[in-house]
């Protein structure tokens, strides 16, 4: 009886903590970091459930729990076939596909590239005015109300152009496979991640070593591979424009 009373008291305390504005703010930030803003209500409910269960509130735990809720089991043969096809498109073995990640990574890689191409200067200005990080998610959610200008806006425009020049669906796919949340990474860091992804993609297509294992000679080889890869992308873009 006493143990039940202690358990009930602990549960009541957790419910009271959920009303704390600081915890609510942390949950909102966690949802944004996990890239779940488009499923905010569902993500908030799931975060509260995890908290009440005593599960650590981390980005990965929240994302996995939200994805898991969307799965209907048992899966039909058609659904299993789609998962296997998606795994192949992502460069994975069919048996390695995850049933809580049914989306096609390549399709997501294409969508992110399209979003970046459509970002406007007014969206950049609004995000700067609101003091938010320059992320793809924040920029695409902005309504495009003209805000801050000056040097900050000029710097943001340069960062966006760098991202646009470096980004392609293939490079995005390299990052997504590594678990990088492209749409929530600040622009400055995203530029660095893009550079690394380009080196990996170029080395896989045109030869060379992984960036981490290079000497000076291998570094020159990777630079040559990157130059070939950029030429390859430019050629593809010109062909598609005809």
C-alpha atoms as a PDB file:
ATOM      1  CA  UNK A   1       0.000   0.000   0.000  1.00  0.00           C
ATOM      2  CA  UNK A   2       2.822   2.359   0.967  1.00  0.00           C
ATOM      3  CA  UNK A   3       4.719   1.498  -2.235  1.00  0.00           C
ATOM      4  CA  UNK A   4       1.612   2.226  -4.322  1.00  0.00           C
ATOM      5  CA  UNK A   5       1.252   5.573  -2.548  1.00  0.00           C
ATOM      6  CA  UNK A   6       4.881   6.511  -3.328  1.00  0.00           C
ATOM      7  CA  UNK A   7       4.412   5.514  -6.962  1.00  0.00           C
ATOM      8  CA  UNK A   8       1.252   7.610  -7.248  1.00  0.00           C
ATOM      9  CA  UNK A   9       3.014  10.591  -5.668  1.00  0.00           C
ATOM     10  CA  UNK A  10       5.947  10.301  -8.099  1.00  0.00           C
ATOM     11  CA  UNK A  11       3.547  10.166 -11.059  1.00  0.00           C
ATOM     12  CA  UNK A  12       1.668  13.236  -9.799  1.00  0.00           C
ATOM     13  CA  UNK A  13       4.965  15.110  -9.483  1.00  0.00           C
ATOM     14  CA  UNK A  14       5.827  14.257 -13.097  1.00  0.00           C
ATOM     15  CA  UNK A  15       2.444  15.534 -14.291  1.00  0.00           C
ATOM     16  CA  UNK A  16       3.052  18.779 -12.390  1.00  0.00           C
ATOM     17  CA  UNK A  17       6.512  19.091 -13.960  1.00  0.00           C
ATOM     18  CA  UNK A  18       4.926  18.858 -17.414  1.00  0.00           C
ATOM     19  CA  UNK A  19       3.207  22.173 -16.654  1.00  0.00           C
ATOM     20  CA  UNK A  20       6.567  23.841 -16.030  1.00  0.00           C
ATOM     21  CA  UNK A  21       7.189  26.514 -18.745  1.00  0.00           C
ATOM     22  CA  UNK A  22      10.908  25.639 -18.834  1.00  0.00           C
ATOM     23  CA  UNK A  23      10.208  21.973 -19.569  1.00  0.00           C
ATOM     24  CA  UNK A  24       7.611  22.929 -22.166  1.00  0.00           C
ATOM     25  CA  UNK A  25      10.193  25.190 -23.821  1.00  0.00           C
ATOM     26  CA  UNK A  26      12.743  22.362 -23.818  1.00  0.00           C
ATOM     27  CA  UNK A  27      10.211  20.064 -25.484  1.00  0.00           C
ATOM     28  CA  UNK A  28       9.494  22.660 -28.175  1.00  0.00           C
ATOM     29  CA  UNK A  29      13.214  23.060 -28.865  1.00  0.00           C
ATOM     30  CA  UNK A  30      13.663  19.284 -28.932  1.00  0.00           C
ATOM     31  CA  UNK A  31      10.857  18.935 -31.493  1.00  0.00           C
ATOM     32  CA  UNK A  32      12.541  21.530 -33.704  1.00  0.00           C
ATOM     33  CA  UNK A  33      15.978  19.891 -33.378  1.00  0.00           C
ATOM     34  CA  UNK A  34      14.443  16.507 -34.278  1.00  0.00           C
ATOM     35  CA  UNK A  35      12.943  17.992 -37.466  1.00  0.00           C
ATOM     36  CA  UNK A  36       9.384  17.249 -36.306  1.00  0.00           C
ATOM     37  CA  UNK A  37       7.874  20.741 -36.511  1.00  0.00           C
ATOM     38  CA  UNK A  38       5.444  19.566 -39.196  1.00  0.00           C
ATOM     39  CA  UNK A  39       4.147  16.960 -36.696  1.00  0.00           C
ATOM     40  CA  UNK A  40       4.298  19.233 -33.652  1.00  0.00           C
ATOM     41  CA  UNK A  41       1.109  18.118 -31.874  1.00  0.00           C
ATOM     42  CA  UNK A  42       1.935  14.425 -32.269  1.00  0.00           C
ATOM     43  CA  UNK A  43       5.542  15.037 -31.214  1.00  0.00           C
ATOM     44  CA  UNK A  44       4.482  17.002 -28.094  1.00  0.00           C
ATOM     45  CA  UNK A  45       2.173  14.188 -26.973  1.00  0.00           C
ATOM     46  CA  UNK A  46       4.899  11.615 -27.593  1.00  0.00           C
ATOM     47  CA  UNK A  47       7.495  13.675 -25.682  1.00  0.00           C
ATOM     48  CA  UNK A  48       5.151  13.870 -22.690  1.00  0.00           C
ATOM     49  CA  UNK A  49       4.620  10.104 -22.800  1.00  0.00           C
ATOM     50  CA  UNK A  50       8.381   9.495 -22.877  1.00  0.00           C
ATOM     51  CA  UNK A  51       8.861  11.854 -19.937  1.00  0.00           C
ATOM     52  CA  UNK A  52       6.156  10.141 -17.880  1.00  0.00           C
ATOM     53  CA  UNK A  53       7.704   6.741 -18.661  1.00  0.00           C
ATOM     54  CA  UNK A  54      11.084   7.956 -17.458  1.00  0.00           C
ATOM     55  CA  UNK A  55      12.663   7.643 -20.920  1.00  0.00           C
ATOM     56  CA  UNK A  56      15.442  10.218 -21.581  1.00  0.00           C
ATOM     57  CA  UNK A  57      14.120  13.082 -23.733  1.00  0.00           C
ATOM     58  CA  UNK A  58      16.655  13.049 -26.569  1.00  0.00           C
ATOM     59  CA  UNK A  59      16.272  13.942 -30.224  1.00  0.00           C
ATOM     60  CA  UNK A  60      16.836  10.360 -31.354  1.00  0.00           C
ATOM     61  CA  UNK A  61      14.429   8.872 -28.788  1.00  0.00           C
ATOM     62  CA  UNK A  62      11.681  11.309 -29.734  1.00  0.00           C
ATOM     63  CA  UNK A  63      12.100  10.803 -33.480  1.00  0.00           C
ATOM     64  CA  UNK A  64      12.129   7.006 -33.141  1.00  0.00           C
ATOM     65  CA  UNK A  65       9.036   7.043 -30.905  1.00  0.00           C
ATOM     66  CA  UNK A  66       7.081   9.299 -33.289  1.00  0.00           C
ATOM     67  CA  UNK A  67       8.072   7.162 -36.289  1.00  0.00           C
ATOM     68  CA  UNK A  68       7.171   3.979 -34.443  1.00  0.00           C
ATOM     69  CA  UNK A  69       3.668   5.303 -33.704  1.00  0.00           C
ATOM     70  CA  UNK A  70       3.011   5.698 -37.435  1.00  0.00           C
ATOM     71  CA  UNK A  71       3.691   2.005 -38.170  1.00  0.00           C
ATOM     72  CA  UNK A  72       0.825  -0.454 -38.552  1.00  0.00           C
ATOM     73  CA  UNK A  73       1.770  -4.071 -37.889  1.00  0.00           C
ATOM     74  CA  UNK A  74       1.789  -6.642 -39.283  1.00  0.00           C
ATOM     75  CA  UNK A  75       3.015  -5.126 -42.563  1.00  0.00           C
ATOM     76  CA  UNK A  76       1.419  -6.291 -45.782  1.00  0.00           C
ATOM     77  CA  UNK A  77       3.448  -7.874 -48.594  1.00  0.00           C
ATOM     78  CA  UNK A  78       2.990  -4.661 -50.640  1.00  0.00           C
ATOM     79  CA  UNK A  79       4.332  -2.519 -47.794  1.00  0.00           C
ATOM     80  CA  UNK A  80       7.310  -4.846 -47.303  1.00  0.00           C
ATOM     81  CA  UNK A  81       8.032  -4.652 -51.044  1.00  0.00           C
ATOM     82  CA  UNK A  82       7.975  -0.846 -50.908  1.00  0.00           C
ATOM     83  CA  UNK A  83      10.385  -0.873 -47.971  1.00  0.00           C
ATOM     84  CA  UNK A  84      12.767  -3.195 -49.829  1.00  0.00           C
ATOM     85  CA  UNK A  85      12.607  -0.994 -52.946  1.00  0.00           C
ATOM     86  CA  UNK A  86      13.255   2.082 -50.822  1.00  0.00           C
ATOM     87  CA  UNK A  87      16.282   0.421 -49.252  1.00  0.00           C
ATOM     88  CA  UNK A  88      17.701  -0.356 -52.701  1.00  0.00           C
ATOM     89  CA  UNK A  89      17.146   3.267 -53.772  1.00  0.00           C
ATOM     90  CA  UNK A  90      19.025   4.369 -50.658  1.00  0.00           C
ATOM     91  CA  UNK A  91      21.967   2.106 -51.493  1.00  0.00           C
ATOM     92  CA  UNK A  92      21.149  -0.396 -48.738  1.00  0.00           C
ATOM     93  CA  UNK A  93      20.424  -4.118 -48.736  1.00  0.00           C
ATOM     94  CA  UNK A  94      16.678  -4.937 -48.666  1.00  0.00           C
ATOM     95  CA  UNK A  95      17.121  -6.968 -45.472  1.00  0.00           C
ATOM     96  CA  UNK A  96      18.658  -3.913 -43.760  1.00  0.00           C
ATOM     97  CA  UNK A  97      15.639  -1.656 -44.301  1.00  0.00           C
ATOM     98  CA  UNK A  98      13.989  -0.203 -41.208  1.00  0.00           C
ATOM     99  CA  UNK A  99      10.208  -0.507 -40.871  1.00  0.00           C
ATOM    100  CA  UNK A 100      10.104   2.650 -38.718  1.00  0.00           C
ATOM    101  CA  UNK A 101      11.736   4.666 -41.485  1.00  0.00           C
ATOM    102  CA  UNK A 102       9.539   3.870 -44.492  1.00  0.00           C
ATOM    103  CA  UNK A 103      10.419   7.056 -46.385  1.00  0.00           C
ATOM    104  CA  UNK A 104      12.711   7.017 -49.379  1.00  0.00           C
ATOM    105  CA  UNK A 105      15.926   8.825 -48.432  1.00  0.00           C
ATOM    106  CA  UNK A 106      16.649   9.819 -52.023  1.00  0.00           C
ATOM    107  CA  UNK A 107      13.214  11.419 -52.305  1.00  0.00           C
ATOM    108  CA  UNK A 108      13.907  13.343 -49.107  1.00  0.00           C
ATOM    109  CA  UNK A 109      17.315  14.376 -50.467  1.00  0.00           C
ATOM    110  CA  UNK A 110      15.593  15.778 -53.567  1.00  0.00           C
ATOM    111  CA  UNK A 111      12.956  17.591 -51.502  1.00  0.00           C
ATOM    112  CA  UNK A 112      15.608  19.299 -49.369  1.00  0.00           C
ATOM    113  CA  UNK A 113      17.464  20.498 -52.472  1.00  0.00           C
ATOM    114  CA  UNK A 114      14.197  21.878 -53.885  1.00  0.00           C
ATOM    115  CA  UNK A 115      13.453  23.689 -50.611  1.00  0.00           C
ATOM    116  CA  UNK A 116      16.867  25.356 -50.630  1.00  0.00           C
ATOM    117  CA  UNK A 117      16.380  26.574 -54.208  1.00  0.00           C
ATOM    118  CA  UNK A 118      13.068  28.212 -53.233  1.00  0.00           C
ATOM    119  CA  UNK A 119      14.284  30.190 -50.172  1.00  0.00           C
ATOM    120  CA  UNK A 120      13.839  33.953 -50.690  1.00  0.00           C
ATOM    121  CA  UNK A 121      15.796  36.937 -49.411  1.00  0.00           C
ATOM    122  CA  UNK A 122      12.750  38.054 -47.402  1.00  0.00           C
ATOM    123  CA  UNK A 123      12.727  34.698 -45.595  1.00  0.00           C
ATOM    124  CA  UNK A 124      16.408  35.176 -44.739  1.00  0.00           C
ATOM    125  CA  UNK A 125      15.624  38.664 -43.475  1.00  0.00           C
ATOM    126  CA  UNK A 126      12.703  37.481 -41.324  1.00  0.00           C
ATOM    127  CA  UNK A 127      14.690  34.673 -39.659  1.00  0.00           C
ATOM    128  CA  UNK A 128      17.520  37.107 -38.838  1.00  0.00           C
ATOM    129  CA  UNK A 129      15.027  39.619 -37.423  1.00  0.00           C
ATOM    130  CA  UNK A 130      13.528  36.937 -35.164  1.00  0.00           C
ATOM    131  CA  UNK A 131      16.977  35.907 -33.878  1.00  0.00           C
ATOM    132  CA  UNK A 132      16.614  32.313 -35.036  1.00  0.00           C
ATOM    133  CA  UNK A 133      19.329  30.040 -36.432  1.00  0.00           C
ATOM    134  CA  UNK A 134      19.768  30.063 -40.195  1.00  0.00           C
ATOM    135  CA  UNK A 135      18.523  26.547 -40.871  1.00  0.00           C
ATOM    136  CA  UNK A 136      16.603  25.204 -43.846  1.00  0.00           C
ATOM    137  CA  UNK A 137      13.666  24.396 -41.571  1.00  0.00           C
ATOM    138  CA  UNK A 138      13.475  27.883 -40.047  1.00  0.00           C
ATOM    139  CA  UNK A 139      13.847  29.516 -43.462  1.00  0.00           C
ATOM    140  CA  UNK A 140      11.158  27.440 -45.183  1.00  0.00           C
ATOM    141  CA  UNK A 141       8.762  28.017 -42.253  1.00  0.00           C
ATOM    142  CA  UNK A 142       9.281  31.806 -42.455  1.00  0.00           C
ATOM    143  CA  UNK A 143       6.452  33.657 -44.187  1.00  0.00           C
ATOM    144  CA  UNK A 144       8.801  36.064 -45.944  1.00  0.00           C
ATOM    145  CA  UNK A 145       8.040  39.226 -43.956  1.00  0.00           C
ATOM    146  CA  UNK A 146      10.845  41.704 -44.584  1.00  0.00           C
ATOM    147  CA  UNK A 147      12.947  42.137 -41.453  1.00  0.00           C
ATOM    148  CA  UNK A 148      16.645  42.675 -40.812  1.00  0.00           C
ATOM    149  CA  UNK A 149      18.979  43.974 -43.519  1.00  0.00           C
ATOM    150  CA  UNK A 150      22.555  45.257 -43.622  1.00  0.00           C
ATOM    151  CA  UNK A 151      25.743  43.241 -43.225  1.00  0.00           C
ATOM    152  CA  UNK A 152      23.967  40.351 -41.468  1.00  0.00           C
ATOM    153  CA  UNK A 153      21.633  39.845 -44.420  1.00  0.00           C
ATOM    154  CA  UNK A 154      24.519  40.071 -46.892  1.00  0.00           C
ATOM    155  CA  UNK A 155      26.404  37.384 -44.923  1.00  0.00           C
ATOM    156  CA  UNK A 156      23.301  35.176 -44.806  1.00  0.00           C
ATOM    157  CA  UNK A 157      22.839  35.518 -48.583  1.00  0.00           C
ATOM    158  CA  UNK A 158      26.438  34.445 -49.162  1.00  0.00           C
ATOM    159  CA  UNK A 159      25.975  31.406 -46.913  1.00  0.00           C
ATOM    160  CA  UNK A 160      22.783  30.443 -48.761  1.00  0.00           C
ATOM    161  CA  UNK A 161      24.526  30.744 -52.125  1.00  0.00           C
ATOM    162  CA  UNK A 162      27.389  28.555 -50.875  1.00  0.00           C
ATOM    163  CA  UNK A 163      24.874  25.926 -49.814  1.00  0.00           C
ATOM    164  CA  UNK A 164      23.060  26.113 -53.156  1.00  0.00           C
ATOM    165  CA  UNK A 165      26.287  25.762 -55.125  1.00  0.00           C
ATOM    166  CA  UNK A 166      27.421  22.733 -53.117  1.00  0.00           C
ATOM    167  CA  UNK A 167      24.098  20.973 -52.681  1.00  0.00           C
ATOM    168  CA  UNK A 168      22.719  18.192 -54.864  1.00  0.00           C
ATOM    169  CA  UNK A 169      20.385  15.289 -54.160  1.00  0.00           C
ATOM    170  CA  UNK A 170      23.345  12.872 -54.323  1.00  0.00           C
ATOM    171  CA  UNK A 171      25.363  14.863 -51.775  1.00  0.00           C
ATOM    172  CA  UNK A 172      22.301  15.205 -49.527  1.00  0.00           C
ATOM    173  CA  UNK A 173      21.920  11.436 -49.663  1.00  0.00           C
ATOM    174  CA  UNK A 174      25.473  10.976 -48.358  1.00  0.00           C
ATOM    175  CA  UNK A 175      24.629  13.168 -45.347  1.00  0.00           C
ATOM    176  CA  UNK A 176      21.238  11.572 -44.696  1.00  0.00           C
ATOM    177  CA  UNK A 177      22.812   8.099 -44.645  1.00  0.00           C
ATOM    178  CA  UNK A 178      25.148   9.347 -41.907  1.00  0.00           C
ATOM    179  CA  UNK A 179      22.164  10.496 -39.854  1.00  0.00           C
ATOM    180  CA  UNK A 180      22.752  14.223 -40.375  1.00  0.00           C
ATOM    181  CA  UNK A 181      19.549  16.252 -39.949  1.00  0.00           C
ATOM    182  CA  UNK A 182      20.193  18.544 -42.926  1.00  0.00           C
ATOM    183  CA  UNK A 183      17.189  20.807 -42.374  1.00  0.00           C
ATOM    184  CA  UNK A 184      18.077  21.655 -38.749  1.00  0.00           C
ATOM    185  CA  UNK A 185      21.852  22.188 -39.118  1.00  0.00           C
ATOM    186  CA  UNK A 186      22.897  25.897 -39.033  1.00  0.00           C
ATOM    187  CA  UNK A 187      24.101  27.145 -42.432  1.00  0.00           C
ATOM    188  CA  UNK A 188      27.764  27.589 -41.424  1.00  0.00           C
ATOM    189  CA  UNK A 189      27.998  24.019 -40.176  1.00  0.00           C
ATOM    190  CA  UNK A 190      25.965  22.756 -43.133  1.00  0.00           C
ATOM    191  CA  UNK A 191      28.530  24.221 -45.540  1.00  0.00           C
ATOM    192  CA  UNK A 192      31.249  22.195 -43.763  1.00  0.00           C
ATOM    193  CA  UNK A 193      29.122  19.027 -43.871  1.00  0.00           C
ATOM    194  CA  UNK A 194      28.462  19.587 -47.586  1.00  0.00           C
ATOM    195  CA  UNK A 195      32.181  19.913 -48.289  1.00  0.00           C
ATOM    196  CA  UNK A 196      32.874  16.623 -46.494  1.00  0.00           C
ATOM    197  CA  UNK A 197      29.995  14.889 -48.266  1.00  0.00           C
ATOM    198  CA  UNK A 198      31.217  16.136 -51.655  1.00  0.00           C
ATOM    199  CA  UNK A 199      34.691  14.744 -50.943  1.00  0.00           C
ATOM    200  CA  UNK A 200      33.214  11.359 -50.020  1.00  0.00           C
ATOM    201  CA  UNK A 201      30.951  11.278 -53.076  1.00  0.00           C
ATOM    202  CA  UNK A 202      33.727  12.410 -55.424  1.00  0.00           C
ATOM    203  CA  UNK A 203      36.167   9.831 -54.030  1.00  0.00           C
ATOM    204  CA  UNK A 204      33.596   7.047 -54.462  1.00  0.00           C
ATOM    205  CA  UNK A 205      32.958   8.022 -58.101  1.00  0.00           C
ATOM    206  CA  UNK A 206      36.435   8.941 -59.316  1.00  0.00           C
ATOM    207  CA  UNK A 207      38.773   7.123 -56.929  1.00  0.00           C
ATOM    208  CA  UNK A 208      40.802   8.363 -53.976  1.00  0.00           C
ATOM    209  CA  UNK A 209      40.826   7.775 -50.223  1.00  0.00           C
ATOM    210  CA  UNK A 210      38.405   8.813 -47.534  1.00  0.00           C
ATOM    211  CA  UNK A 211      39.308  12.316 -46.224  1.00  0.00           C
ATOM    212  CA  UNK A 212      40.236  10.991 -42.765  1.00  0.00           C
ATOM    213  CA  UNK A 213      42.987   8.710 -44.088  1.00  0.00           C
ATOM    214  CA  UNK A 214      44.802  11.041 -46.458  1.00  0.00           C
ATOM    215  CA  UNK A 215      48.403  12.125 -46.698  1.00  0.00           C
ATOM    216  CA  UNK A 216      49.458  15.123 -48.811  1.00  0.00           C
ATOM    217  CA  UNK A 217      49.504  13.075 -52.012  1.00  0.00           C
ATOM    218  CA  UNK A 218      46.106  11.528 -51.314  1.00  0.00           C
ATOM    219  CA  UNK A 219      44.737  14.983 -50.456  1.00  0.00           C
ATOM    220  CA  UNK A 220      45.678  16.157 -53.966  1.00  0.00           C
ATOM    221  CA  UNK A 221      43.949  13.106 -55.420  1.00  0.00           C
ATOM    222  CA  UNK A 222      40.755  13.943 -53.518  1.00  0.00           C
ATOM    223  CA  UNK A 223      40.944  17.558 -54.709  1.00  0.00           C
ATOM    224  CA  UNK A 224      41.178  16.251 -58.276  1.00  0.00           C
ATOM    225  CA  UNK A 225      38.199  13.967 -57.659  1.00  0.00           C
ATOM    226  CA  UNK A 226      36.176  16.884 -56.278  1.00  0.00           C
ATOM    227  CA  UNK A 227      37.000  18.992 -59.345  1.00  0.00           C
ATOM    228  CA  UNK A 228      35.841  16.148 -61.617  1.00  0.00           C
ATOM    229  CA  UNK A 229      32.675  15.716 -59.577  1.00  0.00           C
ATOM    230  CA  UNK A 230      31.816  19.428 -59.747  1.00  0.00           C
ATOM    231  CA  UNK A 231      32.354  19.321 -63.526  1.00  0.00           C
ATOM    232  CA  UNK A 232      30.088  16.271 -63.638  1.00  0.00           C
ATOM    233  CA  UNK A 233      27.336  18.172 -61.764  1.00  0.00           C
ATOM    234  CA  UNK A 234      27.701  21.248 -63.997  1.00  0.00           C
ATOM    235  CA  UNK A 235      27.457  19.076 -67.117  1.00  0.00           C
ATOM    236  CA  UNK A 236      24.326  17.353 -65.805  1.00  0.00           C
ATOM    237  CA  UNK A 237      22.735  20.722 -65.001  1.00  0.00           C
ATOM    238  CA  UNK A 238      23.423  22.014 -68.542  1.00  0.00           C
ATOM    239  CA  UNK A 239      22.004  18.830 -70.105  1.00  0.00           C
ATOM    240  CA  UNK A 240      18.835  19.080 -67.968  1.00  0.00           C
ATOM    241  CA  UNK A 241      18.359  22.727 -68.964  1.00  0.00           C
ATOM    242  CA  UNK A 242      17.966  21.860 -72.662  1.00  0.00           C
END
